[in-house]
């Protein structure tokens, strides 16, 4: 049996998350408050200023709750996983678990990542439901507007997220509907994440990461950028590339499903990744 831990990214946050964890792991709660300069418990549990949905707050909050959830599962008897993977922001938790850096160091990186990504405005994202990823790329390649749009997340066979300027996203909607898509859903996000339009924050983040030392993963971490395990000497480069490139989640899951008797555990709030995995497995039957 291969135990595989998955860590969710933005979209899984919810007010009240981690409520039972902050006292249990008071050391990490104190570390988080020190690094962030505000109360992580207040943000996650009460969200009094409505900040939990803002990128610069969402990312640190999810990193902390994901990490504490994993720690709780281990303390409660879960074995060390054979593989780990995280969707976008969740990849930082996977790298933490694999021993590439410690909790506070990971949070410093996540805070800066969220700040840089949160500065990008304009543009948006849309979920394309019920169309094969290769067909989606075909539709985009067939129009001027489509060529301004990138595939941001290859989530499953039936769910793909695209990103780009809002006028272009609006222009391609009727093209997808004419091509037979089941649903085209504009997403409530502030920027076109994981697309060419994030290359400026990617460059800034790469410079920021030069100040950190990364250890080789002790557990294989499947990277969003490649859908394959991180190379030991490429942690910094792969992390910075992640911001401006597609999340190859479908390829990551197909790789992990080939492992001997894979058993998946989602470590974080909600069950978004578990549901996507179930949809992928259904198509493979």
C-alpha atoms as a PDB file:
ATOM      1  CA  UNK A   1       0.000   0.000   0.000  1.00  0.00           C
ATOM      2  CA  UNK A   2       1.243   3.507  -0.894  1.00  0.00           C
ATOM      3  CA  UNK A   3      -0.050   6.223   1.437  1.00  0.00           C
ATOM      4  CA  UNK A   4      -0.318   9.553  -0.408  1.00  0.00           C
ATOM      5  CA  UNK A   5      -1.115  12.850   1.337  1.00  0.00           C
ATOM      6  CA  UNK A   6      -2.710  15.664  -0.676  1.00  0.00           C
ATOM      7  CA  UNK A   7      -2.814  19.328   0.400  1.00  0.00           C
ATOM      8  CA  UNK A   8      -5.453  21.725  -1.011  1.00  0.00           C
ATOM      9  CA  UNK A   9      -4.938  25.269  -2.291  1.00  0.00           C
ATOM     10  CA  UNK A  10      -7.016  28.434  -2.652  1.00  0.00           C
ATOM     11  CA  UNK A  11     -10.726  27.761  -2.823  1.00  0.00           C
ATOM     12  CA  UNK A  12     -10.708  25.345   0.124  1.00  0.00           C
ATOM     13  CA  UNK A  13     -10.603  28.065   2.790  1.00  0.00           C
ATOM     14  CA  UNK A  14     -13.637  28.513   5.032  1.00  0.00           C
ATOM     15  CA  UNK A  15     -14.357  30.621   8.094  1.00  0.00           C
ATOM     16  CA  UNK A  16     -13.872  28.472  11.198  1.00  0.00           C
ATOM     17  CA  UNK A  17     -11.179  26.248   9.706  1.00  0.00           C
ATOM     18  CA  UNK A  18      -8.564  24.913  12.097  1.00  0.00           C
ATOM     19  CA  UNK A  19     -10.519  25.935  15.201  1.00  0.00           C
ATOM     20  CA  UNK A  20      -9.601  22.700  17.005  1.00  0.00           C
ATOM     21  CA  UNK A  21      -5.920  22.876  16.015  1.00  0.00           C
ATOM     22  CA  UNK A  22      -4.557  26.216  17.237  1.00  0.00           C
ATOM     23  CA  UNK A  23      -4.494  25.276  20.948  1.00  0.00           C
ATOM     24  CA  UNK A  24      -3.280  21.753  20.182  1.00  0.00           C
ATOM     25  CA  UNK A  25      -0.292  23.173  18.298  1.00  0.00           C
ATOM     26  CA  UNK A  26       0.371  26.331  20.280  1.00  0.00           C
ATOM     27  CA  UNK A  27       4.033  26.317  19.158  1.00  0.00           C
ATOM     28  CA  UNK A  28       3.106  26.674  15.490  1.00  0.00           C
ATOM     29  CA  UNK A  29       0.313  29.130  16.324  1.00  0.00           C
ATOM     30  CA  UNK A  30       2.871  31.352  18.078  1.00  0.00           C
ATOM     31  CA  UNK A  31       5.329  30.959  15.176  1.00  0.00           C
ATOM     32  CA  UNK A  32       2.603  31.947  12.697  1.00  0.00           C
ATOM     33  CA  UNK A  33       1.590  35.029  14.690  1.00  0.00           C
ATOM     34  CA  UNK A  34       5.245  36.088  14.878  1.00  0.00           C
ATOM     35  CA  UNK A  35       5.946  35.620  11.161  1.00  0.00           C
ATOM     36  CA  UNK A  36       2.669  37.147   9.954  1.00  0.00           C
ATOM     37  CA  UNK A  37       2.322  39.975  12.474  1.00  0.00           C
ATOM     38  CA  UNK A  38      -1.333  39.154  13.186  1.00  0.00           C
ATOM     39  CA  UNK A  39      -3.401  36.427  14.861  1.00  0.00           C
ATOM     40  CA  UNK A  40      -3.726  33.377  12.611  1.00  0.00           C
ATOM     41  CA  UNK A  41      -6.441  31.999  14.893  1.00  0.00           C
ATOM     42  CA  UNK A  42      -8.533  35.173  14.581  1.00  0.00           C
ATOM     43  CA  UNK A  43      -8.171  35.191  10.775  1.00  0.00           C
ATOM     44  CA  UNK A  44      -9.149  31.536  10.324  1.00  0.00           C
ATOM     45  CA  UNK A  45     -11.795  31.166  13.009  1.00  0.00           C
ATOM     46  CA  UNK A  46     -13.501  34.582  13.132  1.00  0.00           C
ATOM     47  CA  UNK A  47     -12.308  36.467  10.013  1.00  0.00           C
ATOM     48  CA  UNK A  48     -13.595  39.741  11.564  1.00  0.00           C
ATOM     49  CA  UNK A  49     -12.402  41.946   8.689  1.00  0.00           C
ATOM     50  CA  UNK A  50     -13.473  39.663   5.842  1.00  0.00           C
ATOM     51  CA  UNK A  51      -9.861  38.986   4.792  1.00  0.00           C
ATOM     52  CA  UNK A  52      -9.874  35.207   4.450  1.00  0.00           C
ATOM     53  CA  UNK A  53     -10.849  35.410   0.780  1.00  0.00           C
ATOM     54  CA  UNK A  54      -8.011  37.809  -0.106  1.00  0.00           C
ATOM     55  CA  UNK A  55      -4.999  36.087  -1.687  1.00  0.00           C
ATOM     56  CA  UNK A  56      -2.429  37.621   0.671  1.00  0.00           C
ATOM     57  CA  UNK A  57      -4.372  36.230   3.657  1.00  0.00           C
ATOM     58  CA  UNK A  58      -5.806  33.055   2.115  1.00  0.00           C
ATOM     59  CA  UNK A  59      -2.430  31.550   1.305  1.00  0.00           C
ATOM     60  CA  UNK A  60      -0.830  31.832   4.789  1.00  0.00           C
ATOM     61  CA  UNK A  61      -4.075  30.692   6.422  1.00  0.00           C
ATOM     62  CA  UNK A  62      -4.319  27.557   4.285  1.00  0.00           C
ATOM     63  CA  UNK A  63      -0.629  26.744   4.657  1.00  0.00           C
ATOM     64  CA  UNK A  64      -0.974  26.823   8.453  1.00  0.00           C
ATOM     65  CA  UNK A  65      -4.218  24.830   8.640  1.00  0.00           C
ATOM     66  CA  UNK A  66      -3.022  22.234   6.118  1.00  0.00           C
ATOM     67  CA  UNK A  67       0.234  21.764   8.043  1.00  0.00           C
ATOM     68  CA  UNK A  68      -1.520  21.453  11.405  1.00  0.00           C
ATOM     69  CA  UNK A  69      -4.031  18.994   9.936  1.00  0.00           C
ATOM     70  CA  UNK A  70      -1.198  16.772   8.712  1.00  0.00           C
ATOM     71  CA  UNK A  71       0.585  17.029  12.060  1.00  0.00           C
ATOM     72  CA  UNK A  72      -2.623  16.018  13.861  1.00  0.00           C
ATOM     73  CA  UNK A  73      -3.123  13.006  11.589  1.00  0.00           C
ATOM     74  CA  UNK A  74       0.454  11.875  12.221  1.00  0.00           C
ATOM     75  CA  UNK A  75       0.058  12.365  15.975  1.00  0.00           C
ATOM     76  CA  UNK A  76      -3.148  10.343  15.817  1.00  0.00           C
ATOM     77  CA  UNK A  77      -1.356   7.394  14.240  1.00  0.00           C
ATOM     78  CA  UNK A  78      -1.168   7.968  10.490  1.00  0.00           C
ATOM     79  CA  UNK A  79       1.949   6.483   8.876  1.00  0.00           C
ATOM     80  CA  UNK A  80       4.606   8.508   7.063  1.00  0.00           C
ATOM     81  CA  UNK A  81       3.328   8.898   3.482  1.00  0.00           C
ATOM     82  CA  UNK A  82       5.101   7.340   0.505  1.00  0.00           C
ATOM     83  CA  UNK A  83       4.307  10.426  -1.630  1.00  0.00           C
ATOM     84  CA  UNK A  84       2.948  13.932  -1.076  1.00  0.00           C
ATOM     85  CA  UNK A  85       1.432  16.503  -3.438  1.00  0.00           C
ATOM     86  CA  UNK A  86      -0.287  19.860  -3.060  1.00  0.00           C
ATOM     87  CA  UNK A  87      -2.503  21.873  -5.371  1.00  0.00           C
ATOM     88  CA  UNK A  88      -0.848  25.259  -5.994  1.00  0.00           C
ATOM     89  CA  UNK A  89      -0.399  26.759  -2.491  1.00  0.00           C
ATOM     90  CA  UNK A  90      -0.729  23.235  -1.047  1.00  0.00           C
ATOM     91  CA  UNK A  91       2.603  22.310  -2.616  1.00  0.00           C
ATOM     92  CA  UNK A  92       4.316  24.285   0.164  1.00  0.00           C
ATOM     93  CA  UNK A  93       2.777  21.950   2.747  1.00  0.00           C
ATOM     94  CA  UNK A  94       3.950  18.961   0.718  1.00  0.00           C
ATOM     95  CA  UNK A  95       7.504  20.351   0.699  1.00  0.00           C
ATOM     96  CA  UNK A  96       7.303  21.079   4.443  1.00  0.00           C
ATOM     97  CA  UNK A  97       6.254  17.495   5.145  1.00  0.00           C
ATOM     98  CA  UNK A  98       9.100  16.270   2.917  1.00  0.00           C
ATOM     99  CA  UNK A  99      11.645  18.159   5.052  1.00  0.00           C
ATOM    100  CA  UNK A 100      12.694  20.801   2.500  1.00  0.00           C
ATOM    101  CA  UNK A 101      12.259  23.601   5.084  1.00  0.00           C
ATOM    102  CA  UNK A 102      10.741  24.151   8.523  1.00  0.00           C
ATOM    103  CA  UNK A 103       7.259  25.462   9.335  1.00  0.00           C
ATOM    104  CA  UNK A 104       8.198  29.119   9.916  1.00  0.00           C
ATOM    105  CA  UNK A 105      10.438  29.286   6.833  1.00  0.00           C
ATOM    106  CA  UNK A 106       7.654  27.897   4.654  1.00  0.00           C
ATOM    107  CA  UNK A 107       5.249  30.459   6.064  1.00  0.00           C
ATOM    108  CA  UNK A 108       7.649  33.324   5.261  1.00  0.00           C
ATOM    109  CA  UNK A 109       7.734  32.146   1.643  1.00  0.00           C
ATOM    110  CA  UNK A 110       3.973  31.719   1.469  1.00  0.00           C
ATOM    111  CA  UNK A 111       3.360  35.175   2.927  1.00  0.00           C
ATOM    112  CA  UNK A 112       5.550  36.795   0.245  1.00  0.00           C
ATOM    113  CA  UNK A 113       4.014  34.622  -2.493  1.00  0.00           C
ATOM    114  CA  UNK A 114       0.527  35.692  -1.437  1.00  0.00           C
ATOM    115  CA  UNK A 115       1.587  39.342  -1.265  1.00  0.00           C
ATOM    116  CA  UNK A 116       3.101  39.293  -4.764  1.00  0.00           C
ATOM    117  CA  UNK A 117       0.217  37.378  -6.319  1.00  0.00           C
ATOM    118  CA  UNK A 118      -2.282  39.603  -4.532  1.00  0.00           C
ATOM    119  CA  UNK A 119      -0.782  42.693  -6.195  1.00  0.00           C
ATOM    120  CA  UNK A 120      -1.789  41.503  -9.670  1.00  0.00           C
ATOM    121  CA  UNK A 121      -5.140  42.963 -10.686  1.00  0.00           C
ATOM    122  CA  UNK A 122      -7.235  42.686 -13.806  1.00  0.00           C
ATOM    123  CA  UNK A 123      -7.861  39.450 -15.562  1.00  0.00           C
ATOM    124  CA  UNK A 124      -9.707  36.473 -14.206  1.00  0.00           C
ATOM    125  CA  UNK A 125     -10.318  32.758 -14.465  1.00  0.00           C
ATOM    126  CA  UNK A 126     -13.105  30.455 -15.594  1.00  0.00           C
ATOM    127  CA  UNK A 127     -13.849  26.766 -15.043  1.00  0.00           C
ATOM    128  CA  UNK A 128     -14.610  24.752 -18.162  1.00  0.00           C
ATOM    129  CA  UNK A 129     -16.675  21.700 -17.215  1.00  0.00           C
ATOM    130  CA  UNK A 130     -17.324  18.609 -19.287  1.00  0.00           C
ATOM    131  CA  UNK A 131     -14.705  18.957 -22.009  1.00  0.00           C
ATOM    132  CA  UNK A 132     -11.459  17.053 -22.536  1.00  0.00           C
ATOM    133  CA  UNK A 133      -8.354  19.206 -21.857  1.00  0.00           C
ATOM    134  CA  UNK A 134      -7.003  18.660 -25.374  1.00  0.00           C
ATOM    135  CA  UNK A 135     -10.280  19.896 -26.865  1.00  0.00           C
ATOM    136  CA  UNK A 136     -10.122  22.997 -24.635  1.00  0.00           C
ATOM    137  CA  UNK A 137      -6.677  23.857 -25.975  1.00  0.00           C
ATOM    138  CA  UNK A 138      -8.007  23.349 -29.505  1.00  0.00           C
ATOM    139  CA  UNK A 139     -10.862  25.827 -28.894  1.00  0.00           C
ATOM    140  CA  UNK A 140      -8.454  28.409 -27.437  1.00  0.00           C
ATOM    141  CA  UNK A 141      -6.058  28.069 -30.342  1.00  0.00           C
ATOM    142  CA  UNK A 142      -8.880  28.762 -32.812  1.00  0.00           C
ATOM    143  CA  UNK A 143      -9.474  32.454 -32.024  1.00  0.00           C
ATOM    144  CA  UNK A 144      -7.526  35.664 -31.360  1.00  0.00           C
ATOM    145  CA  UNK A 145      -9.185  35.991 -27.952  1.00  0.00           C
ATOM    146  CA  UNK A 146      -8.441  32.364 -27.133  1.00  0.00           C
ATOM    147  CA  UNK A 147      -4.763  32.839 -27.873  1.00  0.00           C
ATOM    148  CA  UNK A 148      -4.673  35.435 -25.054  1.00  0.00           C
ATOM    149  CA  UNK A 149      -5.986  32.831 -22.598  1.00  0.00           C
ATOM    150  CA  UNK A 150      -3.924  30.111 -20.891  1.00  0.00           C
ATOM    151  CA  UNK A 151      -4.901  26.847 -19.239  1.00  0.00           C
ATOM    152  CA  UNK A 152      -4.212  27.463 -15.549  1.00  0.00           C
ATOM    153  CA  UNK A 153      -5.303  24.215 -13.883  1.00  0.00           C
ATOM    154  CA  UNK A 154      -5.611  20.792 -15.481  1.00  0.00           C
ATOM    155  CA  UNK A 155      -7.708  19.485 -12.575  1.00  0.00           C
ATOM    156  CA  UNK A 156      -9.420  16.377 -13.985  1.00  0.00           C
ATOM    157  CA  UNK A 157     -10.646  14.958 -17.278  1.00  0.00           C
ATOM    158  CA  UNK A 158     -13.845  17.001 -16.925  1.00  0.00           C
ATOM    159  CA  UNK A 159     -12.696  20.130 -15.074  1.00  0.00           C
ATOM    160  CA  UNK A 160     -10.141  22.575 -16.425  1.00  0.00           C
ATOM    161  CA  UNK A 161      -9.547  26.182 -15.356  1.00  0.00           C
ATOM    162  CA  UNK A 162      -8.470  28.845 -17.860  1.00  0.00           C
ATOM    163  CA  UNK A 163      -7.030  32.302 -17.121  1.00  0.00           C
ATOM    164  CA  UNK A 164      -6.500  35.578 -18.953  1.00  0.00           C
ATOM    165  CA  UNK A 165      -7.855  39.094 -19.533  1.00  0.00           C
ATOM    166  CA  UNK A 166     -11.562  39.346 -18.678  1.00  0.00           C
ATOM    167  CA  UNK A 167     -12.680  40.568 -22.141  1.00  0.00           C
ATOM    168  CA  UNK A 168     -10.985  37.545 -23.726  1.00  0.00           C
ATOM    169  CA  UNK A 169     -12.552  35.172 -21.202  1.00  0.00           C
ATOM    170  CA  UNK A 170     -15.949  36.650 -22.102  1.00  0.00           C
ATOM    171  CA  UNK A 171     -15.195  36.321 -25.834  1.00  0.00           C
ATOM    172  CA  UNK A 172     -14.339  32.620 -25.653  1.00  0.00           C
ATOM    173  CA  UNK A 173     -17.416  31.625 -23.633  1.00  0.00           C
ATOM    174  CA  UNK A 174     -19.724  31.340 -26.696  1.00  0.00           C
ATOM    175  CA  UNK A 175     -16.997  29.390 -28.517  1.00  0.00           C
ATOM    176  CA  UNK A 176     -16.933  26.802 -25.731  1.00  0.00           C
ATOM    177  CA  UNK A 177     -20.721  26.674 -25.594  1.00  0.00           C
ATOM    178  CA  UNK A 178     -20.837  26.091 -29.378  1.00  0.00           C
ATOM    179  CA  UNK A 179     -18.265  23.311 -28.959  1.00  0.00           C
ATOM    180  CA  UNK A 180     -20.545  21.510 -26.482  1.00  0.00           C
ATOM    181  CA  UNK A 181     -19.094  22.315 -23.080  1.00  0.00           C
ATOM    182  CA  UNK A 182     -21.350  21.284 -20.174  1.00  0.00           C
ATOM    183  CA  UNK A 183     -20.714  24.479 -18.196  1.00  0.00           C
ATOM    184  CA  UNK A 184     -18.539  27.595 -18.398  1.00  0.00           C
ATOM    185  CA  UNK A 185     -18.224  29.218 -14.983  1.00  0.00           C
ATOM    186  CA  UNK A 186     -16.398  32.534 -14.390  1.00  0.00           C
ATOM    187  CA  UNK A 187     -14.591  32.288 -11.033  1.00  0.00           C
ATOM    188  CA  UNK A 188     -14.568  34.855  -8.253  1.00  0.00           C
ATOM    189  CA  UNK A 189     -10.817  35.493  -8.251  1.00  0.00           C
ATOM    190  CA  UNK A 190      -8.782  38.689  -8.366  1.00  0.00           C
ATOM    191  CA  UNK A 191      -6.233  37.735 -11.048  1.00  0.00           C
ATOM    192  CA  UNK A 192      -5.339  35.195 -13.764  1.00  0.00           C
ATOM    193  CA  UNK A 193      -3.256  32.857 -11.586  1.00  0.00           C
ATOM    194  CA  UNK A 194      -0.967  30.212 -13.119  1.00  0.00           C
ATOM    195  CA  UNK A 195      -0.817  31.949 -16.486  1.00  0.00           C
ATOM    196  CA  UNK A 196       1.646  34.044 -18.498  1.00  0.00           C
ATOM    197  CA  UNK A 197       0.181  37.123 -16.767  1.00  0.00           C
ATOM    198  CA  UNK A 198       1.824  36.049 -13.481  1.00  0.00           C
ATOM    199  CA  UNK A 199       5.387  36.106 -14.851  1.00  0.00           C
ATOM    200  CA  UNK A 200       6.248  39.418 -13.136  1.00  0.00           C
ATOM    201  CA  UNK A 201       5.442  38.129  -9.630  1.00  0.00           C
ATOM    202  CA  UNK A 202       7.171  34.887 -10.625  1.00  0.00           C
ATOM    203  CA  UNK A 203      10.414  36.786 -11.347  1.00  0.00           C
ATOM    204  CA  UNK A 204      10.123  38.790  -8.117  1.00  0.00           C
ATOM    205  CA  UNK A 205       9.465  35.627  -6.128  1.00  0.00           C
ATOM    206  CA  UNK A 206      12.420  33.859  -7.705  1.00  0.00           C
ATOM    207  CA  UNK A 207      14.648  36.702  -6.481  1.00  0.00           C
ATOM    208  CA  UNK A 208      13.093  36.453  -3.009  1.00  0.00           C
ATOM    209  CA  UNK A 209      13.745  32.695  -2.897  1.00  0.00           C
ATOM    210  CA  UNK A 210      17.474  33.253  -3.459  1.00  0.00           C
ATOM    211  CA  UNK A 211      17.654  34.098   0.244  1.00  0.00           C
ATOM    212  CA  UNK A 212      16.539  30.602   1.324  1.00  0.00           C
ATOM    213  CA  UNK A 213      18.252  27.237   1.578  1.00  0.00           C
ATOM    214  CA  UNK A 214      16.280  24.181   0.495  1.00  0.00           C
ATOM    215  CA  UNK A 215      17.003  20.619   1.556  1.00  0.00           C
ATOM    216  CA  UNK A 216      16.362  17.692  -0.772  1.00  0.00           C
ATOM    217  CA  UNK A 217      12.908  16.109  -0.244  1.00  0.00           C
ATOM    218  CA  UNK A 218      12.944  13.115   2.121  1.00  0.00           C
ATOM    219  CA  UNK A 219       9.593  12.003   0.661  1.00  0.00           C
ATOM    220  CA  UNK A 220       8.870  12.258  -3.082  1.00  0.00           C
ATOM    221  CA  UNK A 221       6.905  15.474  -3.780  1.00  0.00           C
ATOM    222  CA  UNK A 222       4.964  15.485  -7.050  1.00  0.00           C
ATOM    223  CA  UNK A 223       5.354  18.935  -8.614  1.00  0.00           C
ATOM    224  CA  UNK A 224       2.500  20.975 -10.116  1.00  0.00           C
ATOM    225  CA  UNK A 225       4.731  22.141 -12.958  1.00  0.00           C
ATOM    226  CA  UNK A 226       5.682  18.673 -14.234  1.00  0.00           C
ATOM    227  CA  UNK A 227       3.306  16.136 -12.699  1.00  0.00           C
ATOM    228  CA  UNK A 228       6.423  14.226 -11.617  1.00  0.00           C
ATOM    229  CA  UNK A 229       8.532  14.181  -8.415  1.00  0.00           C
ATOM    230  CA  UNK A 230      10.762  17.161  -7.659  1.00  0.00           C
ATOM    231  CA  UNK A 231      14.411  16.817  -8.581  1.00  0.00           C
ATOM    232  CA  UNK A 232      16.461  17.170  -5.397  1.00  0.00           C
ATOM    233  CA  UNK A 233      18.486  20.151  -6.646  1.00  0.00           C
ATOM    234  CA  UNK A 234      15.592  21.975  -8.347  1.00  0.00           C
ATOM    235  CA  UNK A 235      13.322  22.899  -5.424  1.00  0.00           C
ATOM    236  CA  UNK A 236      13.853  26.676  -5.666  1.00  0.00           C
ATOM    237  CA  UNK A 237      13.489  26.837  -9.452  1.00  0.00           C
ATOM    238  CA  UNK A 238      10.431  24.574  -9.526  1.00  0.00           C
ATOM    239  CA  UNK A 239       8.698  26.596  -6.797  1.00  0.00           C
ATOM    240  CA  UNK A 240       9.164  29.900  -8.600  1.00  0.00           C
ATOM    241  CA  UNK A 241       8.056  28.433 -11.953  1.00  0.00           C
ATOM    242  CA  UNK A 242       4.831  27.233 -10.349  1.00  0.00           C
ATOM    243  CA  UNK A 243       3.361  30.756 -10.087  1.00  0.00           C
ATOM    244  CA  UNK A 244       3.314  31.478 -13.816  1.00  0.00           C
ATOM    245  CA  UNK A 245       2.685  27.990 -15.205  1.00  0.00           C
ATOM    246  CA  UNK A 246      -0.200  25.515 -15.352  1.00  0.00           C
ATOM    247  CA  UNK A 247      -1.022  23.272 -12.387  1.00  0.00           C
ATOM    248  CA  UNK A 248      -0.681  19.778 -13.869  1.00  0.00           C
ATOM    249  CA  UNK A 249      -2.958  18.188 -11.278  1.00  0.00           C
ATOM    250  CA  UNK A 250      -4.489  15.597 -13.591  1.00  0.00           C
ATOM    251  CA  UNK A 251      -1.046  14.386 -14.652  1.00  0.00           C
ATOM    252  CA  UNK A 252       0.059  14.354 -10.996  1.00  0.00           C
ATOM    253  CA  UNK A 253      -2.896  12.162  -9.995  1.00  0.00           C
ATOM    254  CA  UNK A 254      -2.415   9.817 -12.956  1.00  0.00           C
ATOM    255  CA  UNK A 255       1.213   9.380 -11.877  1.00  0.00           C
ATOM    256  CA  UNK A 256       0.222   8.691  -8.260  1.00  0.00           C
ATOM    257  CA  UNK A 257      -2.567   6.295  -9.232  1.00  0.00           C
ATOM    258  CA  UNK A 258       0.093   4.083 -10.845  1.00  0.00           C
ATOM    259  CA  UNK A 259       1.805   3.547  -7.479  1.00  0.00           C
ATOM    260  CA  UNK A 260       1.262   0.194  -5.705  1.00  0.00           C
ATOM    261  CA  UNK A 261      -2.160   0.162  -3.988  1.00  0.00           C
ATOM    262  CA  UNK A 262      -2.448   3.965  -3.650  1.00  0.00           C
ATOM    263  CA  UNK A 263      -4.409   5.243  -0.649  1.00  0.00           C
ATOM    264  CA  UNK A 264      -5.053   8.992  -0.570  1.00  0.00           C
ATOM    265  CA  UNK A 265      -5.603  11.255   2.448  1.00  0.00           C
ATOM    266  CA  UNK A 266      -6.522  14.938   2.023  1.00  0.00           C
ATOM    267  CA  UNK A 267      -4.873  17.084   4.709  1.00  0.00           C
ATOM    268  CA  UNK A 268      -6.669  20.408   4.997  1.00  0.00           C
ATOM    269  CA  UNK A 269     -10.128  21.947   5.116  1.00  0.00           C
ATOM    270  CA  UNK A 270     -12.838  20.555   2.870  1.00  0.00           C
ATOM    271  CA  UNK A 271     -12.669  17.739   0.327  1.00  0.00           C
ATOM    272  CA  UNK A 272     -12.044  19.459  -3.032  1.00  0.00           C
ATOM    273  CA  UNK A 273      -9.083  17.242  -3.960  1.00  0.00           C
ATOM    274  CA  UNK A 274     -10.821  14.054  -2.819  1.00  0.00           C
ATOM    275  CA  UNK A 275     -13.770  14.845  -5.099  1.00  0.00           C
ATOM    276  CA  UNK A 276     -11.522  15.615  -8.077  1.00  0.00           C
ATOM    277  CA  UNK A 277      -9.641  12.358  -7.510  1.00  0.00           C
ATOM    278  CA  UNK A 278     -12.935  10.421  -7.412  1.00  0.00           C
ATOM    279  CA  UNK A 279     -13.903  11.978 -10.773  1.00  0.00           C
ATOM    280  CA  UNK A 280     -10.535  10.992 -12.284  1.00  0.00           C
ATOM    281  CA  UNK A 281     -10.823   7.419 -10.998  1.00  0.00           C
ATOM    282  CA  UNK A 282     -14.368   7.124 -12.352  1.00  0.00           C
ATOM    283  CA  UNK A 283     -13.181   7.954 -15.855  1.00  0.00           C
ATOM    284  CA  UNK A 284     -10.374   5.370 -15.610  1.00  0.00           C
ATOM    285  CA  UNK A 285     -12.677   2.463 -14.751  1.00  0.00           C
END
